């Protein structure tokens, strides 16, 4: 039997260790290569709704061991298209997007399709045939529910103003259609003021002021989101109509919930953007695994007013 000298034993051991290290290193590198990064392009960076939604996306992605790459759009269609193209160039495995416009950013969907990358719309949707999935709310039904609540709150009669969302976004068009559908069944209610526009508090203040100047006896103001609602409520209070003109919002962000508790806002719709963000990631994960996913997935909604606000406010420690 051939006997190995100590030096040969040492070499053999070193070779074994080196092979093990190389194999382990190769597996680690392979695992790193396989780590999933998803891209996110939301409509606004400073909107409380999207801030909370992004937290939900990051939380769920972290649980799955995924990385999240974000790009800014801030209601700029060209910027959103360029941002999605940047995400594609970075090699993301999927994209979550809340499109600024249902048609105006379709080039982003086309680019994702060309790169064979699934692109899932969250909250707002797109008309693009290349939209993989839409994680949506039941928009018309929510509009109907807001209107039903308002009809009861104002006693079935009076003048109403509507501060709707961006004209190019079907989400806000559907919400408004659901709302007006119900109001049309109430002949003693008149919609006397309707405008489209951006979802900002400043716009809420300005257009609520305009509506109140033209209609001092306004009974209710419908708004497309909580930022607009908080601005409108500010104008109502400044006009001395805090107890005469109700304002409804939508999204259920913390500032709106606190405004309901303080009696400044009448109602909002809780959509829970944190859970919405998590749902977007889960839907994308299912799609990437090859599971069958419906083209539209709905998130639940809850009307929040003074009767259930205490259940919705964060509990103090």
C-alpha atoms as a PDB file:
ATOM      1  CA  UNK A   1       0.000   0.000   0.000  1.00  0.00           C
ATOM      2  CA  UNK A   2       1.335   3.409  -0.943  1.00  0.00           C
ATOM      3  CA  UNK A   3       1.941   5.633   2.079  1.00  0.00           C
ATOM      4  CA  UNK A   4       1.428   9.391   1.803  1.00  0.00           C
ATOM      5  CA  UNK A   5       3.909  11.679   3.480  1.00  0.00           C
ATOM      6  CA  UNK A   6       2.563  14.335   5.923  1.00  0.00           C
ATOM      7  CA  UNK A   7       3.039  17.031   3.306  1.00  0.00           C
ATOM      8  CA  UNK A   8       0.881  15.086   0.889  1.00  0.00           C
ATOM      9  CA  UNK A   9      -1.797  14.637   3.583  1.00  0.00           C
ATOM     10  CA  UNK A  10      -1.726  18.387   4.159  1.00  0.00           C
ATOM     11  CA  UNK A  11      -2.058  19.091   0.466  1.00  0.00           C
ATOM     12  CA  UNK A  12      -4.921  16.641   0.116  1.00  0.00           C
ATOM     13  CA  UNK A  13      -6.724  18.209   3.083  1.00  0.00           C
ATOM     14  CA  UNK A  14      -6.173  21.683   1.701  1.00  0.00           C
ATOM     15  CA  UNK A  15      -7.517  20.590  -1.657  1.00  0.00           C
ATOM     16  CA  UNK A  16     -10.618  19.154   0.034  1.00  0.00           C
ATOM     17  CA  UNK A  17     -11.211  22.344   2.014  1.00  0.00           C
ATOM     18  CA  UNK A  18     -10.624  24.489  -1.055  1.00  0.00           C
ATOM     19  CA  UNK A  19     -13.089  22.441  -3.062  1.00  0.00           C
ATOM     20  CA  UNK A  20     -15.640  22.761  -0.274  1.00  0.00           C
ATOM     21  CA  UNK A  21     -15.118  26.519  -0.036  1.00  0.00           C
ATOM     22  CA  UNK A  22     -15.374  26.896  -3.792  1.00  0.00           C
ATOM     23  CA  UNK A  23     -18.538  24.811  -3.879  1.00  0.00           C
ATOM     24  CA  UNK A  24     -20.067  26.797  -1.013  1.00  0.00           C
ATOM     25  CA  UNK A  25     -18.990  30.066  -2.609  1.00  0.00           C
ATOM     26  CA  UNK A  26     -20.499  28.989  -5.892  1.00  0.00           C
ATOM     27  CA  UNK A  27     -23.799  28.148  -4.187  1.00  0.00           C
ATOM     28  CA  UNK A  28     -23.807  31.451  -2.303  1.00  0.00           C
ATOM     29  CA  UNK A  29     -23.107  33.357  -5.504  1.00  0.00           C
ATOM     30  CA  UNK A  30     -25.854  31.398  -7.235  1.00  0.00           C
ATOM     31  CA  UNK A  31     -28.302  32.228  -4.425  1.00  0.00           C
ATOM     32  CA  UNK A  32     -27.324  35.889  -4.614  1.00  0.00           C
ATOM     33  CA  UNK A  33     -27.824  35.823  -8.376  1.00  0.00           C
ATOM     34  CA  UNK A  34     -31.293  34.364  -7.874  1.00  0.00           C
ATOM     35  CA  UNK A  35     -32.467  36.958  -5.339  1.00  0.00           C
ATOM     36  CA  UNK A  36     -35.538  38.702  -6.648  1.00  0.00           C
ATOM     37  CA  UNK A  37     -35.740  42.470  -7.000  1.00  0.00           C
ATOM     38  CA  UNK A  38     -39.065  44.055  -7.867  1.00  0.00           C
ATOM     39  CA  UNK A  39     -39.610  47.577  -9.111  1.00  0.00           C
ATOM     40  CA  UNK A  40     -42.151  50.048  -7.776  1.00  0.00           C
ATOM     41  CA  UNK A  41     -43.490  53.171  -9.478  1.00  0.00           C
ATOM     42  CA  UNK A  42     -46.251  54.911  -7.522  1.00  0.00           C
ATOM     43  CA  UNK A  43     -48.094  58.018  -8.669  1.00  0.00           C
ATOM     44  CA  UNK A  44     -46.889  60.296  -5.847  1.00  0.00           C
ATOM     45  CA  UNK A  45     -44.058  60.218  -3.307  1.00  0.00           C
ATOM     46  CA  UNK A  46     -45.562  62.626  -0.764  1.00  0.00           C
ATOM     47  CA  UNK A  47     -49.183  61.406  -0.712  1.00  0.00           C
ATOM     48  CA  UNK A  48     -49.877  59.753   2.680  1.00  0.00           C
ATOM     49  CA  UNK A  49     -51.773  56.964   0.922  1.00  0.00           C
ATOM     50  CA  UNK A  50     -48.806  55.999  -1.235  1.00  0.00           C
ATOM     51  CA  UNK A  51     -46.343  56.425   1.618  1.00  0.00           C
ATOM     52  CA  UNK A  52     -48.249  53.800   3.608  1.00  0.00           C
ATOM     53  CA  UNK A  53     -48.701  51.586   0.534  1.00  0.00           C
ATOM     54  CA  UNK A  54     -44.950  51.555  -0.074  1.00  0.00           C
ATOM     55  CA  UNK A  55     -44.404  50.499   3.539  1.00  0.00           C
ATOM     56  CA  UNK A  56     -46.742  47.559   2.932  1.00  0.00           C
ATOM     57  CA  UNK A  57     -44.887  46.635  -0.249  1.00  0.00           C
ATOM     58  CA  UNK A  58     -41.504  46.755   1.500  1.00  0.00           C
ATOM     59  CA  UNK A  59     -42.780  44.773   4.489  1.00  0.00           C
ATOM     60  CA  UNK A  60     -44.175  41.912   2.415  1.00  0.00           C
ATOM     61  CA  UNK A  61     -41.234  41.888   0.007  1.00  0.00           C
ATOM     62  CA  UNK A  62     -38.874  41.676   2.993  1.00  0.00           C
ATOM     63  CA  UNK A  63     -40.754  38.661   4.339  1.00  0.00           C
ATOM     64  CA  UNK A  64     -40.241  36.962   0.970  1.00  0.00           C
ATOM     65  CA  UNK A  65     -36.553  37.861   0.916  1.00  0.00           C
ATOM     66  CA  UNK A  66     -37.034  40.240  -2.000  1.00  0.00           C
ATOM     67  CA  UNK A  67     -35.396  43.592  -2.645  1.00  0.00           C
ATOM     68  CA  UNK A  68     -37.433  46.630  -3.707  1.00  0.00           C
ATOM     69  CA  UNK A  69     -36.234  49.268  -6.187  1.00  0.00           C
ATOM     70  CA  UNK A  70     -38.312  52.442  -6.407  1.00  0.00           C
ATOM     71  CA  UNK A  71     -38.546  55.312  -8.874  1.00  0.00           C
ATOM     72  CA  UNK A  72     -40.321  58.647  -8.471  1.00  0.00           C
ATOM     73  CA  UNK A  73     -43.113  59.954 -10.691  1.00  0.00           C
ATOM     74  CA  UNK A  74     -44.974  62.634  -8.694  1.00  0.00           C
ATOM     75  CA  UNK A  75     -47.854  62.934 -11.194  1.00  0.00           C
ATOM     76  CA  UNK A  76     -45.466  63.437 -14.140  1.00  0.00           C
ATOM     77  CA  UNK A  77     -46.362  60.985 -16.929  1.00  0.00           C
ATOM     78  CA  UNK A  78     -43.054  61.226 -18.789  1.00  0.00           C
ATOM     79  CA  UNK A  79     -41.156  60.785 -15.552  1.00  0.00           C
ATOM     80  CA  UNK A  80     -43.160  57.654 -14.739  1.00  0.00           C
ATOM     81  CA  UNK A  81     -42.501  56.114 -18.156  1.00  0.00           C
ATOM     82  CA  UNK A  82     -38.776  56.859 -17.859  1.00  0.00           C
ATOM     83  CA  UNK A  83     -38.739  55.454 -14.347  1.00  0.00           C
ATOM     84  CA  UNK A  84     -40.277  52.146 -15.449  1.00  0.00           C
ATOM     85  CA  UNK A  85     -37.769  51.919 -18.297  1.00  0.00           C
ATOM     86  CA  UNK A  86     -35.012  52.429 -15.729  1.00  0.00           C
ATOM     87  CA  UNK A  87     -36.408  49.596 -13.593  1.00  0.00           C
ATOM     88  CA  UNK A  88     -36.437  47.329 -16.656  1.00  0.00           C
ATOM     89  CA  UNK A  89     -32.811  48.209 -17.393  1.00  0.00           C
ATOM     90  CA  UNK A  90     -31.941  47.258 -13.799  1.00  0.00           C
ATOM     91  CA  UNK A  91     -33.291  43.779 -14.379  1.00  0.00           C
ATOM     92  CA  UNK A  92     -36.234  43.685 -11.961  1.00  0.00           C
ATOM     93  CA  UNK A  93     -38.339  40.512 -12.024  1.00  0.00           C
ATOM     94  CA  UNK A  94     -41.663  42.308 -11.795  1.00  0.00           C
ATOM     95  CA  UNK A  95     -43.101  45.818 -11.480  1.00  0.00           C
ATOM     96  CA  UNK A  96     -45.825  47.256  -9.250  1.00  0.00           C
ATOM     97  CA  UNK A  97     -47.192  50.506 -10.662  1.00  0.00           C
ATOM     98  CA  UNK A  98     -49.941  52.945  -9.802  1.00  0.00           C
ATOM     99  CA  UNK A  99     -50.291  54.699 -13.159  1.00  0.00           C
ATOM    100  CA  UNK A 100     -50.765  58.444 -13.210  1.00  0.00           C
ATOM    101  CA  UNK A 101     -53.029  58.173 -16.237  1.00  0.00           C
ATOM    102  CA  UNK A 102     -54.936  55.213 -17.669  1.00  0.00           C
ATOM    103  CA  UNK A 103     -53.668  55.935 -21.186  1.00  0.00           C
ATOM    104  CA  UNK A 104     -50.838  58.442 -20.869  1.00  0.00           C
ATOM    105  CA  UNK A 105     -48.276  56.012 -19.405  1.00  0.00           C
ATOM    106  CA  UNK A 106     -49.126  52.990 -21.566  1.00  0.00           C
ATOM    107  CA  UNK A 107     -45.615  53.172 -23.006  1.00  0.00           C
ATOM    108  CA  UNK A 108     -44.391  51.914 -19.625  1.00  0.00           C
ATOM    109  CA  UNK A 109     -46.581  48.812 -19.956  1.00  0.00           C
ATOM    110  CA  UNK A 110     -45.391  48.289 -23.538  1.00  0.00           C
ATOM    111  CA  UNK A 111     -41.772  48.415 -22.388  1.00  0.00           C
ATOM    112  CA  UNK A 112     -42.405  45.884 -19.629  1.00  0.00           C
ATOM    113  CA  UNK A 113     -44.147  43.535 -22.067  1.00  0.00           C
ATOM    114  CA  UNK A 114     -41.277  43.828 -24.543  1.00  0.00           C
ATOM    115  CA  UNK A 115     -38.859  42.841 -21.752  1.00  0.00           C
ATOM    116  CA  UNK A 116     -41.146  39.960 -20.658  1.00  0.00           C
ATOM    117  CA  UNK A 117     -41.556  41.498 -17.203  1.00  0.00           C
ATOM    118  CA  UNK A 118     -44.971  41.307 -15.489  1.00  0.00           C
ATOM    119  CA  UNK A 119     -46.378  44.724 -14.612  1.00  0.00           C
ATOM    120  CA  UNK A 120     -49.116  44.806 -11.971  1.00  0.00           C
ATOM    121  CA  UNK A 121     -51.237  47.922 -11.471  1.00  0.00           C
ATOM    122  CA  UNK A 122     -52.069  48.746  -7.848  1.00  0.00           C
ATOM    123  CA  UNK A 123     -54.957  51.096  -6.968  1.00  0.00           C
ATOM    124  CA  UNK A 124     -55.170  52.988 -10.257  1.00  0.00           C
ATOM    125  CA  UNK A 125     -55.403  50.920 -13.429  1.00  0.00           C
ATOM    126  CA  UNK A 126     -54.458  51.160 -17.081  1.00  0.00           C
ATOM    127  CA  UNK A 127     -56.257  50.583 -20.394  1.00  0.00           C
ATOM    128  CA  UNK A 128     -53.116  48.939 -21.750  1.00  0.00           C
ATOM    129  CA  UNK A 129     -53.573  45.356 -23.000  1.00  0.00           C
ATOM    130  CA  UNK A 130     -50.123  44.760 -21.512  1.00  0.00           C
ATOM    131  CA  UNK A 131     -51.313  45.293 -17.938  1.00  0.00           C
ATOM    132  CA  UNK A 132     -50.663  41.898 -16.349  1.00  0.00           C
ATOM    133  CA  UNK A 133     -53.032  42.247 -13.361  1.00  0.00           C
ATOM    134  CA  UNK A 134     -54.927  45.075 -11.660  1.00  0.00           C
ATOM    135  CA  UNK A 135     -55.111  44.988  -7.852  1.00  0.00           C
ATOM    136  CA  UNK A 136     -58.096  47.267  -7.554  1.00  0.00           C
ATOM    137  CA  UNK A 137     -60.970  48.483  -5.464  1.00  0.00           C
ATOM    138  CA  UNK A 138     -64.579  47.973  -6.531  1.00  0.00           C
ATOM    139  CA  UNK A 139     -64.716  51.570  -7.678  1.00  0.00           C
ATOM    140  CA  UNK A 140     -68.335  52.015  -8.722  1.00  0.00           C
ATOM    141  CA  UNK A 141     -69.619  50.232  -5.642  1.00  0.00           C
ATOM    142  CA  UNK A 142     -67.514  52.446  -3.390  1.00  0.00           C
ATOM    143  CA  UNK A 143     -68.931  55.495  -5.167  1.00  0.00           C
ATOM    144  CA  UNK A 144     -72.430  54.156  -4.572  1.00  0.00           C
ATOM    145  CA  UNK A 145     -71.682  53.471  -0.904  1.00  0.00           C
ATOM    146  CA  UNK A 146     -70.364  57.010  -0.362  1.00  0.00           C
ATOM    147  CA  UNK A 147     -73.473  58.426  -2.033  1.00  0.00           C
ATOM    148  CA  UNK A 148     -75.855  56.246   0.002  1.00  0.00           C
ATOM    149  CA  UNK A 149     -74.142  57.400   3.192  1.00  0.00           C
ATOM    150  CA  UNK A 150     -74.330  61.050   2.078  1.00  0.00           C
ATOM    151  CA  UNK A 151     -78.021  60.846   1.170  1.00  0.00           C
ATOM    152  CA  UNK A 152     -78.817  59.667   4.689  1.00  0.00           C
ATOM    153  CA  UNK A 153     -76.507  62.220   6.302  1.00  0.00           C
ATOM    154  CA  UNK A 154     -78.132  65.216   4.571  1.00  0.00           C
ATOM    155  CA  UNK A 155     -81.687  63.945   4.914  1.00  0.00           C
ATOM    156  CA  UNK A 156     -82.219  63.171   1.242  1.00  0.00           C
ATOM    157  CA  UNK A 157     -82.170  66.768   0.005  1.00  0.00           C
ATOM    158  CA  UNK A 158     -79.833  69.663  -0.677  1.00  0.00           C
ATOM    159  CA  UNK A 159     -76.988  70.846  -2.888  1.00  0.00           C
ATOM    160  CA  UNK A 160     -73.846  68.764  -3.397  1.00  0.00           C
ATOM    161  CA  UNK A 161     -70.414  69.555  -4.842  1.00  0.00           C
ATOM    162  CA  UNK A 162     -68.072  66.985  -6.384  1.00  0.00           C
ATOM    163  CA  UNK A 163     -64.292  67.468  -6.331  1.00  0.00           C
ATOM    164  CA  UNK A 164     -63.323  64.507  -8.488  1.00  0.00           C
ATOM    165  CA  UNK A 165     -59.884  63.097  -9.308  1.00  0.00           C
ATOM    166  CA  UNK A 166     -57.660  63.432 -12.403  1.00  0.00           C
ATOM    167  CA  UNK A 167     -59.788  63.228 -15.546  1.00  0.00           C
ATOM    168  CA  UNK A 168     -57.534  60.676 -17.210  1.00  0.00           C
ATOM    169  CA  UNK A 169     -57.719  58.129 -14.398  1.00  0.00           C
ATOM    170  CA  UNK A 170     -60.605  55.639 -14.795  1.00  0.00           C
ATOM    171  CA  UNK A 171     -60.516  54.869 -11.062  1.00  0.00           C
ATOM    172  CA  UNK A 172     -61.827  58.322 -10.245  1.00  0.00           C
ATOM    173  CA  UNK A 173     -64.228  58.345 -13.169  1.00  0.00           C
ATOM    174  CA  UNK A 174     -65.744  55.064 -11.940  1.00  0.00           C
ATOM    175  CA  UNK A 175     -66.011  56.355  -8.377  1.00  0.00           C
ATOM    176  CA  UNK A 176     -67.810  59.466  -9.609  1.00  0.00           C
ATOM    177  CA  UNK A 177     -70.133  57.425 -11.829  1.00  0.00           C
ATOM    178  CA  UNK A 178     -71.135  55.223  -8.898  1.00  0.00           C
ATOM    179  CA  UNK A 179     -71.774  58.336  -6.802  1.00  0.00           C
ATOM    180  CA  UNK A 180     -73.858  60.172  -9.419  1.00  0.00           C
ATOM    181  CA  UNK A 181     -75.821  56.990 -10.193  1.00  0.00           C
ATOM    182  CA  UNK A 182     -77.189  56.984  -6.645  1.00  0.00           C
ATOM    183  CA  UNK A 183     -77.687  60.741  -6.481  1.00  0.00           C
ATOM    184  CA  UNK A 184     -79.754  60.621  -9.684  1.00  0.00           C
ATOM    185  CA  UNK A 185     -82.295  58.482  -7.830  1.00  0.00           C
ATOM    186  CA  UNK A 186     -82.810  61.269  -5.282  1.00  0.00           C
ATOM    187  CA  UNK A 187     -84.697  64.115  -7.003  1.00  0.00           C
ATOM    188  CA  UNK A 188     -84.368  66.485  -4.049  1.00  0.00           C
ATOM    189  CA  UNK A 189     -80.554  66.385  -4.269  1.00  0.00           C
ATOM    190  CA  UNK A 190     -78.802  68.623  -6.807  1.00  0.00           C
ATOM    191  CA  UNK A 191     -75.181  68.278  -7.897  1.00  0.00           C
ATOM    192  CA  UNK A 192     -74.366  71.950  -8.438  1.00  0.00           C
ATOM    193  CA  UNK A 193     -70.570  71.907  -8.735  1.00  0.00           C
ATOM    194  CA  UNK A 194     -68.258  69.347 -10.440  1.00  0.00           C
ATOM    195  CA  UNK A 195     -64.542  69.577 -11.191  1.00  0.00           C
ATOM    196  CA  UNK A 196     -61.670  67.258 -12.105  1.00  0.00           C
ATOM    197  CA  UNK A 197     -58.163  67.856 -10.842  1.00  0.00           C
ATOM    198  CA  UNK A 198     -55.068  66.794  -8.924  1.00  0.00           C
ATOM    199  CA  UNK A 199     -55.302  65.070  -5.562  1.00  0.00           C
ATOM    200  CA  UNK A 200     -53.863  67.832  -3.404  1.00  0.00           C
ATOM    201  CA  UNK A 201     -54.961  69.576  -0.239  1.00  0.00           C
ATOM    202  CA  UNK A 202     -54.379  72.967  -1.874  1.00  0.00           C
ATOM    203  CA  UNK A 203     -56.856  72.139  -4.616  1.00  0.00           C
ATOM    204  CA  UNK A 204     -59.360  70.994  -1.983  1.00  0.00           C
ATOM    205  CA  UNK A 205     -59.161  74.352  -0.238  1.00  0.00           C
ATOM    206  CA  UNK A 206     -59.439  76.426  -3.415  1.00  0.00           C
ATOM    207  CA  UNK A 207     -62.268  74.540  -5.101  1.00  0.00           C
ATOM    208  CA  UNK A 208     -64.289  74.094  -1.931  1.00  0.00           C
ATOM    209  CA  UNK A 209     -64.046  77.873  -1.463  1.00  0.00           C
ATOM    210  CA  UNK A 210     -65.291  78.352  -5.039  1.00  0.00           C
ATOM    211  CA  UNK A 211     -68.154  75.909  -4.488  1.00  0.00           C
ATOM    212  CA  UNK A 212     -69.197  77.639  -1.266  1.00  0.00           C
ATOM    213  CA  UNK A 213     -69.078  81.110  -2.804  1.00  0.00           C
ATOM    214  CA  UNK A 214     -71.353  79.951  -5.634  1.00  0.00           C
ATOM    215  CA  UNK A 215     -73.551  77.902  -3.288  1.00  0.00           C
ATOM    216  CA  UNK A 216     -73.499  79.206   0.297  1.00  0.00           C
ATOM    217  CA  UNK A 217     -76.119  76.645   1.308  1.00  0.00           C
ATOM    218  CA  UNK A 218     -74.091  73.648   0.135  1.00  0.00           C
ATOM    219  CA  UNK A 219     -74.988  70.515   2.106  1.00  0.00           C
ATOM    220  CA  UNK A 220     -72.166  68.129   1.125  1.00  0.00           C
ATOM    221  CA  UNK A 221     -68.835  67.975  -0.670  1.00  0.00           C
ATOM    222  CA  UNK A 222     -67.682  64.713  -2.252  1.00  0.00           C
ATOM    223  CA  UNK A 223     -63.920  64.443  -2.725  1.00  0.00           C
ATOM    224  CA  UNK A 224     -61.818  61.881  -4.560  1.00  0.00           C
ATOM    225  CA  UNK A 225     -59.290  61.329  -1.777  1.00  0.00           C
ATOM    226  CA  UNK A 226     -58.425  62.320   1.771  1.00  0.00           C
ATOM    227  CA  UNK A 227     -55.919  65.031   0.846  1.00  0.00           C
ATOM    228  CA  UNK A 228     -58.570  66.881  -1.171  1.00  0.00           C
ATOM    229  CA  UNK A 229     -61.084  66.220   1.618  1.00  0.00           C
ATOM    230  CA  UNK A 230     -58.842  67.720   4.299  1.00  0.00           C
ATOM    231  CA  UNK A 231     -58.393  70.841   2.189  1.00  0.00           C
ATOM    232  CA  UNK A 232     -62.137  71.086   1.565  1.00  0.00           C
ATOM    233  CA  UNK A 233     -62.878  70.649   5.273  1.00  0.00           C
ATOM    234  CA  UNK A 234     -60.470  73.491   6.003  1.00  0.00           C
ATOM    235  CA  UNK A 235     -62.395  75.753   3.623  1.00  0.00           C
ATOM    236  CA  UNK A 236     -65.747  74.709   5.104  1.00  0.00           C
ATOM    237  CA  UNK A 237     -64.585  75.532   8.630  1.00  0.00           C
ATOM    238  CA  UNK A 238     -63.122  78.867   7.487  1.00  0.00           C
ATOM    239  CA  UNK A 239     -66.500  79.724   5.919  1.00  0.00           C
ATOM    240  CA  UNK A 240     -68.234  79.060   9.229  1.00  0.00           C
ATOM    241  CA  UNK A 241     -70.118  76.037   7.883  1.00  0.00           C
ATOM    242  CA  UNK A 242     -68.414  73.309   9.875  1.00  0.00           C
ATOM    243  CA  UNK A 243     -71.750  72.091  11.235  1.00  0.00           C
ATOM    244  CA  UNK A 244     -73.743  72.661   8.023  1.00  0.00           C
ATOM    245  CA  UNK A 245     -71.652  71.267   5.129  1.00  0.00           C
ATOM    246  CA  UNK A 246     -70.301  67.741   5.389  1.00  0.00           C
ATOM    247  CA  UNK A 247     -67.155  66.583   3.577  1.00  0.00           C
ATOM    248  CA  UNK A 248     -66.419  62.994   2.587  1.00  0.00           C
ATOM    249  CA  UNK A 249     -63.020  61.623   1.668  1.00  0.00           C
ATOM    250  CA  UNK A 250     -61.493  58.369   0.599  1.00  0.00           C
ATOM    251  CA  UNK A 251     -58.468  56.160   1.469  1.00  0.00           C
ATOM    252  CA  UNK A 252     -58.597  56.238   5.276  1.00  0.00           C
ATOM    253  CA  UNK A 253     -55.152  57.739   5.856  1.00  0.00           C
ATOM    254  CA  UNK A 254     -54.276  58.651   9.480  1.00  0.00           C
ATOM    255  CA  UNK A 255     -54.768  62.445   9.123  1.00  0.00           C
ATOM    256  CA  UNK A 256     -58.290  61.826   7.802  1.00  0.00           C
ATOM    257  CA  UNK A 257     -59.111  59.405  10.614  1.00  0.00           C
ATOM    258  CA  UNK A 258     -58.004  61.980  13.183  1.00  0.00           C
ATOM    259  CA  UNK A 259     -60.069  64.649  11.391  1.00  0.00           C
ATOM    260  CA  UNK A 260     -63.154  62.432  11.730  1.00  0.00           C
ATOM    261  CA  UNK A 261     -62.436  61.985  15.427  1.00  0.00           C
ATOM    262  CA  UNK A 262     -62.115  65.770  15.784  1.00  0.00           C
ATOM    263  CA  UNK A 263     -65.394  66.373  13.923  1.00  0.00           C
ATOM    264  CA  UNK A 264     -63.757  68.152  10.976  1.00  0.00           C
ATOM    265  CA  UNK A 265     -64.353  65.428   8.391  1.00  0.00           C
ATOM    266  CA  UNK A 266     -67.624  63.482   8.119  1.00  0.00           C
ATOM    267  CA  UNK A 267     -66.527  60.219   6.522  1.00  0.00           C
ATOM    268  CA  UNK A 268     -63.789  58.423   4.629  1.00  0.00           C
ATOM    269  CA  UNK A 269     -63.410  55.015   3.039  1.00  0.00           C
ATOM    270  CA  UNK A 270     -60.765  52.812   4.564  1.00  0.00           C
ATOM    271  CA  UNK A 271     -58.883  50.964   1.851  1.00  0.00           C
ATOM    272  CA  UNK A 272     -55.888  50.172   4.065  1.00  0.00           C
ATOM    273  CA  UNK A 273     -53.022  51.074   1.729  1.00  0.00           C
ATOM    274  CA  UNK A 274     -50.597  49.015   3.842  1.00  0.00           C
ATOM    275  CA  UNK A 275     -52.590  45.836   3.174  1.00  0.00           C
ATOM    276  CA  UNK A 276     -53.070  46.944  -0.441  1.00  0.00           C
ATOM    277  CA  UNK A 277     -49.315  47.120  -0.884  1.00  0.00           C
ATOM    278  CA  UNK A 278     -48.900  43.679   0.679  1.00  0.00           C
ATOM    279  CA  UNK A 279     -51.621  42.281  -1.578  1.00  0.00           C
ATOM    280  CA  UNK A 280     -49.854  43.688  -4.641  1.00  0.00           C
ATOM    281  CA  UNK A 281     -46.679  41.817  -3.701  1.00  0.00           C
ATOM    282  CA  UNK A 282     -48.597  38.598  -2.992  1.00  0.00           C
ATOM    283  CA  UNK A 283     -50.377  38.777  -6.355  1.00  0.00           C
ATOM    284  CA  UNK A 284     -47.064  39.354  -8.143  1.00  0.00           C
ATOM    285  CA  UNK A 285     -45.483  36.465  -6.214  1.00  0.00           C
ATOM    286  CA  UNK A 286     -48.293  34.128  -7.257  1.00  0.00           C
ATOM    287  CA  UNK A 287     -47.903  35.177 -10.869  1.00  0.00           C
ATOM    288  CA  UNK A 288     -44.135  34.642 -10.817  1.00  0.00           C
ATOM    289  CA  UNK A 289     -44.679  31.141  -9.389  1.00  0.00           C
ATOM    290  CA  UNK A 290     -46.920  30.339 -12.313  1.00  0.00           C
ATOM    291  CA  UNK A 291     -50.167  30.263 -10.326  1.00  0.00           C
ATOM    292  CA  UNK A 292     -53.375  31.287 -12.055  1.00  0.00           C
ATOM    293  CA  UNK A 293     -54.371  34.817 -11.009  1.00  0.00           C
ATOM    294  CA  UNK A 294     -57.490  36.723 -12.073  1.00  0.00           C
ATOM    295  CA  UNK A 295     -56.920  39.814 -14.207  1.00  0.00           C
ATOM    296  CA  UNK A 296     -58.575  41.936 -11.490  1.00  0.00           C
ATOM    297  CA  UNK A 297     -58.182  41.350  -7.758  1.00  0.00           C
ATOM    298  CA  UNK A 298     -60.260  43.476  -5.355  1.00  0.00           C
ATOM    299  CA  UNK A 299     -59.315  44.799  -1.936  1.00  0.00           C
ATOM    300  CA  UNK A 300     -62.009  45.204   0.728  1.00  0.00           C
ATOM    301  CA  UNK A 301     -63.301  48.634   1.782  1.00  0.00           C
ATOM    302  CA  UNK A 302     -64.957  49.975   4.936  1.00  0.00           C
ATOM    303  CA  UNK A 303     -66.838  53.256   5.455  1.00  0.00           C
ATOM    304  CA  UNK A 304     -65.465  55.106   8.483  1.00  0.00           C
ATOM    305  CA  UNK A 305     -67.449  57.813  10.289  1.00  0.00           C
ATOM    306  CA  UNK A 306     -68.089  58.918  13.862  1.00  0.00           C
ATOM    307  CA  UNK A 307     -69.858  55.629  14.642  1.00  0.00           C
ATOM    308  CA  UNK A 308     -66.786  53.421  14.158  1.00  0.00           C
ATOM    309  CA  UNK A 309     -63.829  55.803  14.223  1.00  0.00           C
ATOM    310  CA  UNK A 310     -62.578  54.584  17.600  1.00  0.00           C
ATOM    311  CA  UNK A 311     -62.107  51.109  16.130  1.00  0.00           C
ATOM    312  CA  UNK A 312     -59.940  52.485  13.344  1.00  0.00           C
ATOM    313  CA  UNK A 313     -57.650  54.850  15.213  1.00  0.00           C
ATOM    314  CA  UNK A 314     -54.276  53.427  16.312  1.00  0.00           C
ATOM    315  CA  UNK A 315     -54.447  52.224  19.901  1.00  0.00           C
ATOM    316  CA  UNK A 316     -52.286  54.169  22.334  1.00  0.00           C
ATOM    317  CA  UNK A 317     -49.743  52.031  24.232  1.00  0.00           C
END
